[in-house]
PDB file of N, CA and C in Angstrom:
ATOM      1  N   MET A   1      93.946 105.307 109.741  1.00  0.00           N
ATOM      2  CA  MET A   1      94.640 105.873 108.179  1.00  0.00           C
ATOM      3  C   MET A   1      94.398 105.022 107.507  1.00  0.00           C
ATOM      4  N   VAL A   2      93.685 105.688 106.551  1.00  0.00           N
ATOM      5  CA  VAL A   2      92.938 105.218 105.317  1.00  0.00           C
ATOM      6  C   VAL A   2      94.055 104.603 104.229  1.00  0.00           C
ATOM      7  N   MET A   3      93.970 103.021 104.019  1.00  0.00           N
ATOM      8  CA  MET A   3      94.512 102.308 102.909  1.00  0.00           C
ATOM      9  C   MET A   3      93.417 101.867 101.523  1.00  0.00           C
ATOM     10  N   THR A   4      93.702 102.370 100.275  1.00  0.00           N
ATOM     11  CA  THR A   4      93.163 102.106  99.133  1.00  0.00           C
ATOM     12  C   THR A   4      94.454 101.324  98.493  1.00  0.00           C
ATOM     13  N   THR A   5      93.972 100.568  98.002  1.00  0.00           N
ATOM     14  CA  THR A   5      94.750  99.488  97.056  1.00  0.00           C
ATOM     15  C   THR A   5      94.263  99.588  95.217  1.00  0.00           C
ATOM     16  N   HIS A   6      95.682  99.493  94.818  1.00  0.00           N
ATOM     17  CA  HIS A   6      95.987  99.864  93.054  1.00  0.00           C
ATOM     18  C   HIS A   6      96.241  98.341  92.863  1.00  0.00           C
ATOM     19  N   LEU A   7      95.940  98.457  91.296  1.00  0.00           N
ATOM     20  CA  LEU A   7      96.788  97.485  90.141  1.00  0.00           C
ATOM     21  C   LEU A   7      97.224  97.918  89.618  1.00  0.00           C
ATOM     22  N   LEU A   8      98.395  98.094  89.515  1.00  0.00           N
ATOM     23  CA  LEU A   8      98.862  98.597  87.504  1.00  0.00           C
ATOM     24  C   LEU A   8      99.241  97.884  86.892  1.00  0.00           C
ATOM     25  N   GLU A   9      98.592  97.567  85.448  1.00  0.00           N
ATOM     26  CA  GLU A   9      98.330  96.438  84.796  1.00  0.00           C
ATOM     27  C   GLU A   9      99.614  96.581  83.700  1.00  0.00           C
ATOM     28  N   THR A  10     100.554  96.030  83.085  1.00  0.00           N
ATOM     29  CA  THR A  10     101.255  95.731  82.099  1.00  0.00           C
ATOM     30  C   THR A  10     101.338  95.094  81.256  1.00  0.00           C
ATOM     31  N   PRO A  11     101.893  94.360  80.001  1.00  0.00           N
ATOM     32  CA  PRO A  11     101.687  93.376  79.431  1.00  0.00           C
ATOM     33  C   PRO A  11     102.640  92.446  79.979  1.00  0.00           C
ATOM     34  N   GLY A  12     103.077  91.969  81.036  1.00  0.00           N
ATOM     35  CA  GLY A  12     104.551  91.046  81.207  1.00  0.00           C
ATOM     36  C   GLY A  12     104.310  90.691  82.912  1.00  0.00           C
ATOM     37  N   ALA A  13     103.024  91.959  83.644  1.00  0.00           N
ATOM     38  CA  ALA A  13     102.824  91.663  85.065  1.00  0.00           C
ATOM     39  C   ALA A  13     101.507  92.615  85.432  1.00  0.00           C
ATOM     40  N   ASP A  14     101.741  92.207  86.423  1.00  0.00           N
ATOM     41  CA  ASP A  14     100.117  93.077  87.053  1.00  0.00           C
ATOM     42  C   ASP A  14     100.702  93.160  88.716  1.00  0.00           C
ATOM     43  N   LEU A  15     100.968  94.408  88.886  1.00  0.00           N
ATOM     44  CA  LEU A  15     101.063  94.570  90.439  1.00  0.00           C
ATOM     45  C   LEU A  15     100.280  95.160  91.012  1.00  0.00           C
ATOM     46  N   ALA A  16     100.099  94.746  91.932  1.00  0.00           N
ATOM     47  CA  ALA A  16      99.030  95.155  93.304  1.00  0.00           C
ATOM     48  C   ALA A  16     100.686  96.132  94.261  1.00  0.00           C
ATOM     49  N   TYR A  17      99.587  97.272  94.654  1.00  0.00           N
ATOM     50  CA  TYR A  17      99.883  98.376  95.598  1.00  0.00           C
ATOM     51  C   TYR A  17      99.289  99.429  96.082  1.00  0.00           C
ATOM     52  N   ASP A  18      99.285  99.452  97.253  1.00  0.00           N
ATOM     53  CA  ASP A  18      98.453  99.786  98.282  1.00  0.00           C
ATOM     54  C   ASP A  18      99.444 101.464  99.087  1.00  0.00           C
ATOM     55  N   VAL A  19      98.299 102.023  98.552  1.00  0.00           N
ATOM     56  CA  VAL A  19      98.715 103.671  99.606  1.00  0.00           C
ATOM     57  C   VAL A  19      98.340 103.762 100.922  1.00  0.00           C
ATOM     58  N   HIS A  20      98.921 103.801 101.906  1.00  0.00           N
ATOM     59  CA  HIS A  20      98.230 104.062 103.285  1.00  0.00           C
ATOM     60  C   HIS A  20      98.886 105.715 103.345  1.00  0.00           C
ATOM     61  N   GLY A  21      97.514 106.128 103.911  1.00  0.00           N
ATOM     62  CA  GLY A  21      97.654 107.694 104.288  1.00  0.00           C
ATOM     63  C   GLY A  21      97.127 108.949 103.294  1.00  0.00           C
ATOM     64  N   PRO A  22      97.498 110.436 103.346  1.00  0.00           N
ATOM     65  CA  PRO A  22      96.890 111.306 102.198  1.00  0.00           C
ATOM     66  C   PRO A  22      97.664 110.802 101.091  1.00  0.00           C
ATOM     67  N   LEU A  23      97.425 111.509  99.609  1.00  0.00           N
ATOM     68  CA  LEU A  23      97.943 111.393  99.037  1.00  0.00           C
ATOM     69  C   LEU A  23      97.777 112.875  98.351  1.00  0.00           C
ATOM     70  N   PRO A  24      98.644 113.757  97.761  1.00  0.00           N
ATOM     71  CA  PRO A  24      99.698 114.061  98.168  1.00  0.00           C
ATOM     72  C   PRO A  24      99.372 114.097 100.094  1.00  0.00           C
ATOM     73  N   THR A  25     100.778 114.249 100.450  1.00  0.00           N
ATOM     74  CA  THR A  25     100.732 114.945 101.736  1.00  0.00           C
ATOM     75  C   THR A  25     100.777 116.221 102.328  1.00  0.00           C
ATOM     76  N   ALA A  26     100.235 116.110 103.326  1.00  0.00           N
ATOM     77  CA  ALA A  26      99.861 117.830 103.194  1.00  0.00           C
ATOM     78  C   ALA A  26     101.123 118.885 103.804  1.00  0.00           C
ATOM     79  N   ASP A  27     102.598 118.198 104.214  1.00  0.00           N
ATOM     80  CA  ASP A  27     103.487 119.028 104.034  1.00  0.00           C
ATOM     81  C   ASP A  27     103.989 118.612 102.960  1.00  0.00           C
ATOM     82  N   GLY A  28     103.923 117.786 102.000  1.00  0.00           N
ATOM     83  CA  GLY A  28     104.619 118.415 100.851  1.00  0.00           C
ATOM     84  C   GLY A  28     105.972 117.055 100.824  1.00  0.00           C
ATOM     85  N   ARG A  29     106.272 116.368 101.665  1.00  0.00           N
ATOM     86  CA  ARG A  29     107.571 115.160 101.605  1.00  0.00           C
ATOM     87  C   ARG A  29     107.155 114.161 100.333  1.00  0.00           C
ATOM     88  N   PRO A  30     107.793 113.299  99.883  1.00  0.00           N
ATOM     89  CA  PRO A  30     107.404 112.382  98.997  1.00  0.00           C
ATOM     90  C   PRO A  30     107.073 111.684  99.767  1.00  0.00           C
ATOM     91  N   PRO A  31     106.812 110.470  99.195  1.00  0.00           N
ATOM     92  CA  PRO A  31     105.882 109.539  99.965  1.00  0.00           C
ATOM     93  C   PRO A  31     106.785 108.000 100.590  1.00  0.00           C
ATOM     94  N   LEU A  32     106.624 106.879 101.826  1.00  0.00           N
ATOM     95  CA  LEU A  32     107.727 106.438 102.063  1.00  0.00           C
ATOM     96  C   LEU A  32     107.312 104.798 101.326  1.00  0.00           C
ATOM     97  N   VAL A  33     108.167 104.340 100.711  1.00  0.00           N
ATOM     98  CA  VAL A  33     108.111 103.578  99.553  1.00  0.00           C
ATOM     99  C   VAL A  33     108.732 102.372 100.562  1.00  0.00           C
ATOM    100  N   MET A  34     108.074 101.585 101.009  1.00  0.00           N
ATOM    101  CA  MET A  34     108.237 100.501 101.902  1.00  0.00           C
ATOM    102  C   MET A  34     108.216  98.790 100.671  1.00  0.00           C
ATOM    103  N   ILE A  35     109.743  98.102 100.590  1.00  0.00           N
ATOM    104  CA  ILE A  35     110.099  97.326 100.131  1.00  0.00           C
ATOM    105  C   ILE A  35     110.547  95.793 101.156  1.00  0.00           C
ATOM    106  N   GLY A  36     109.925  94.812 100.087  1.00  0.00           N
ATOM    107  CA  GLY A  36     110.887  93.565 101.262  1.00  0.00           C
ATOM    108  C   GLY A  36     110.547  92.998 100.402  1.00  0.00           C
ATOM    109  N   GLN A  37     112.141  91.179 100.140  1.00  0.00           N
ATOM    110  CA  GLN A  37     111.621  90.906  99.721  1.00  0.00           C
ATOM    111  C   GLN A  37     112.182  89.234 100.639  1.00  0.00           C
ATOM    112  N   PRO A  38     111.866  88.320 100.052  1.00  0.00           N
ATOM    113  CA  PRO A  38     110.766  87.974  99.534  1.00  0.00           C
ATOM    114  C   PRO A  38     108.515  87.994 100.378  1.00  0.00           C
ATOM    115  N   MET A  39     109.070  88.615 100.912  1.00  0.00           N
ATOM    116  CA  MET A  39     107.457  89.422 101.230  1.00  0.00           C
ATOM    117  C   MET A  39     106.313  89.761 100.116  1.00  0.00           C
ATOM    118  N   ASP A  40     104.929  89.396 100.935  1.00  0.00           N
ATOM    119  CA  ASP A  40     104.603  90.516 100.585  1.00  0.00           C
ATOM    120  C   ASP A  40     103.836  91.747 100.832  1.00  0.00           C
ATOM    121  N   ALA A  41     103.081  92.432 100.790  1.00  0.00           N
ATOM    122  CA  ALA A  41     102.796  94.087 100.831  1.00  0.00           C
ATOM    123  C   ALA A  41     101.956  93.891 102.273  1.00  0.00           C
ATOM    124  N   GLY A  42     101.592  92.898 102.585  1.00  0.00           N
ATOM    125  CA  GLY A  42     100.480  92.515 103.633  1.00  0.00           C
ATOM    126  C   GLY A  42     101.390  92.958 105.478  1.00  0.00           C
ATOM    127  N   GLY A  43     102.835  92.063 104.915  1.00  0.00           N
ATOM    128  CA  GLY A  43     104.191  92.225 106.088  1.00  0.00           C
ATOM    129  C   GLY A  43     104.073  93.482 106.847  1.00  0.00           C
ATOM    130  N   PHE A  44     103.880  94.492 106.001  1.00  0.00           N
ATOM    131  CA  PHE A  44     104.292  95.620 105.935  1.00  0.00           C
ATOM    132  C   PHE A  44     102.636  96.804 106.841  1.00  0.00           C
ATOM    133  N   GLY A  45     102.223  96.495 107.084  1.00  0.00           N
ATOM    134  CA  GLY A  45     100.451  96.305 107.444  1.00  0.00           C
ATOM    135  C   GLY A  45     101.053  97.815 109.196  1.00  0.00           C
ATOM    136  N   THR A  46     101.193  96.780 109.565  1.00  0.00           N
ATOM    137  CA  THR A  46     101.789  97.801 111.198  1.00  0.00           C
ATOM    138  C   THR A  46     102.646  98.606 111.315  1.00  0.00           C
ATOM    139  N   LEU A  47     103.777  98.533 109.998  1.00  0.00           N
ATOM    140  CA  LEU A  47     104.879  98.980 110.255  1.00  0.00           C
ATOM    141  C   LEU A  47     104.443 100.997 109.946  1.00  0.00           C
ATOM    142  N   ALA A  48     104.247 100.236 108.432  1.00  0.00           N
ATOM    143  CA  ALA A  48     103.313 101.410 107.980  1.00  0.00           C
ATOM    144  C   ALA A  48     102.244 102.621 108.808  1.00  0.00           C
ATOM    145  N   SER A  49     101.785 101.387 109.708  1.00  0.00           N
ATOM    146  CA  SER A  49     101.026 102.005 110.804  1.00  0.00           C
ATOM    147  C   SER A  49     101.879 103.190 111.607  1.00  0.00           C
ATOM    148  N   HIS A  50     102.846 102.701 111.668  1.00  0.00           N
ATOM    149  CA  HIS A  50     103.279 103.654 112.899  1.00  0.00           C
ATOM    150  C   HIS A  50     104.031 105.130 111.870  1.00  0.00           C
ATOM    151  N   PHE A  51     103.407 105.746 110.506  1.00  0.00           N
ATOM    152  CA  PHE A  51     103.989 106.583 109.734  1.00  0.00           C
ATOM    153  C   PHE A  51     102.560 107.662 109.403  1.00  0.00           C
ATOM    154  N   PRO A  52     101.625 107.611 110.598  1.00  0.00           N
ATOM    155  CA  PRO A  52     100.160 108.520 110.197  1.00  0.00           C
ATOM    156  C   PRO A  52     100.773 109.964 109.762  1.00  0.00           C
ATOM    157  N   ASP A  53     101.623 110.559 109.923  1.00  0.00           N
ATOM    158  CA  ASP A  53     102.110 111.762 108.923  1.00  0.00           C
ATOM    159  C   ASP A  53     102.344 111.529 107.594  1.00  0.00           C
ATOM    160  N   ARG A  54     102.523 110.953 106.713  1.00  0.00           N
ATOM    161  CA  ARG A  54     103.317 109.881 105.665  1.00  0.00           C
ATOM    162  C   ARG A  54     102.595 109.350 105.290  1.00  0.00           C
ATOM    163  N   THR A  55     102.525 109.545 103.545  1.00  0.00           N
ATOM    164  CA  THR A  55     102.248 108.733 102.291  1.00  0.00           C
ATOM    165  C   THR A  55     102.650 106.965 102.911  1.00  0.00           C
ATOM    166  N   VAL A  56     102.482 106.051 102.960  1.00  0.00           N
ATOM    167  CA  VAL A  56     103.727 105.186 102.499  1.00  0.00           C
ATOM    168  C   VAL A  56     103.114 104.528 101.484  1.00  0.00           C
ATOM    169  N   VAL A  57     103.725 103.282 100.896  1.00  0.00           N
ATOM    170  CA  VAL A  57     103.649 103.460  99.507  1.00  0.00           C
ATOM    171  C   VAL A  57     104.226 101.935  99.947  1.00  0.00           C
ATOM    172  N   THR A  58     103.249 100.774  99.561  1.00  0.00           N
ATOM    173  CA  THR A  58     103.712  98.931 100.313  1.00  0.00           C
ATOM    174  C   THR A  58     103.588  97.996  99.076  1.00  0.00           C
ATOM    175  N   TYR A  59     103.838  97.523  98.263  1.00  0.00           N
ATOM    176  CA  TYR A  59     103.580  96.650  96.959  1.00  0.00           C
ATOM    177  C   TYR A  59     104.464  94.843  97.319  1.00  0.00           C
ATOM    178  N   ASP A  60     103.572  94.248  95.979  1.00  0.00           N
ATOM    179  CA  ASP A  60     103.332  93.080  96.072  1.00  0.00           C
ATOM    180  C   ASP A  60     104.852  92.256  94.904  1.00  0.00           C
ATOM    181  N   PRO A  61     105.780  91.803  95.232  1.00  0.00           N
ATOM    182  CA  PRO A  61     106.413  92.076  94.217  1.00  0.00           C
ATOM    183  C   PRO A  61     105.740  91.176  93.181  1.00  0.00           C
ATOM    184  N   ARG A  62     106.910  90.924  91.860  1.00  0.00           N
ATOM    185  CA  ARG A  62     106.198  90.089  90.829  1.00  0.00           C
ATOM    186  C   ARG A  62     106.071  88.702  91.358  1.00  0.00           C
ATOM    187  N   GLY A  63     104.412  88.418  91.130  1.00  0.00           N
ATOM    188  CA  GLY A  63     104.103  86.694  91.823  1.00  0.00           C
ATOM    189  C   GLY A  63     104.367  86.156  93.140  1.00  0.00           C
ATOM    190  N   LEU A  64     104.629  87.235  93.994  1.00  0.00           N
ATOM    191  CA  LEU A  64     104.083  87.067  95.473  1.00  0.00           C
ATOM    192  C   LEU A  64     103.101  87.796  95.457  1.00  0.00           C
ATOM    193  N   GLY A  65     102.297  87.361  96.268  1.00  0.00           N
ATOM    194  CA  GLY A  65     100.657  88.126  97.120  1.00  0.00           C
ATOM    195  C   GLY A  65      99.387  88.395  95.267  1.00  0.00           C
ATOM    196  N   ARG A  66      98.678  88.777  96.376  1.00  0.00           N
ATOM    197  CA  ARG A  66      98.861  89.787  94.512  1.00  0.00           C
ATOM    198  C   ARG A  66      98.701  90.048  93.515  1.00  0.00           C
ATOM    199  N   SER A  67     100.044  90.444  93.234  1.00  0.00           N
ATOM    200  CA  SER A  67     100.844  90.775  92.068  1.00  0.00           C
ATOM    201  C   SER A  67     101.151  89.042  91.151  1.00  0.00           C
ATOM    202  N   THR A  68     101.082  89.145  89.741  1.00  0.00           N
ATOM    203  CA  THR A  68     101.374  87.799  89.039  1.00  0.00           C
ATOM    204  C   THR A  68     102.865  88.588  88.452  1.00  0.00           C
TER     205      THR A  68
END
């Protein structure tokens, strides 16, 4: 599964997120967003790999991991 990393820069915070798989999906289903607190996106790598047919988005909440 291909993963790309992105950074959303705003005046109050920079949020890092990863997109796993194709975007848009081949079948038109919306992305699956995995959210967990207080962990960053790194904790979802294995779980995201179980959905190879979906687009999975994971992110680092503000102040954790790569997000400031």
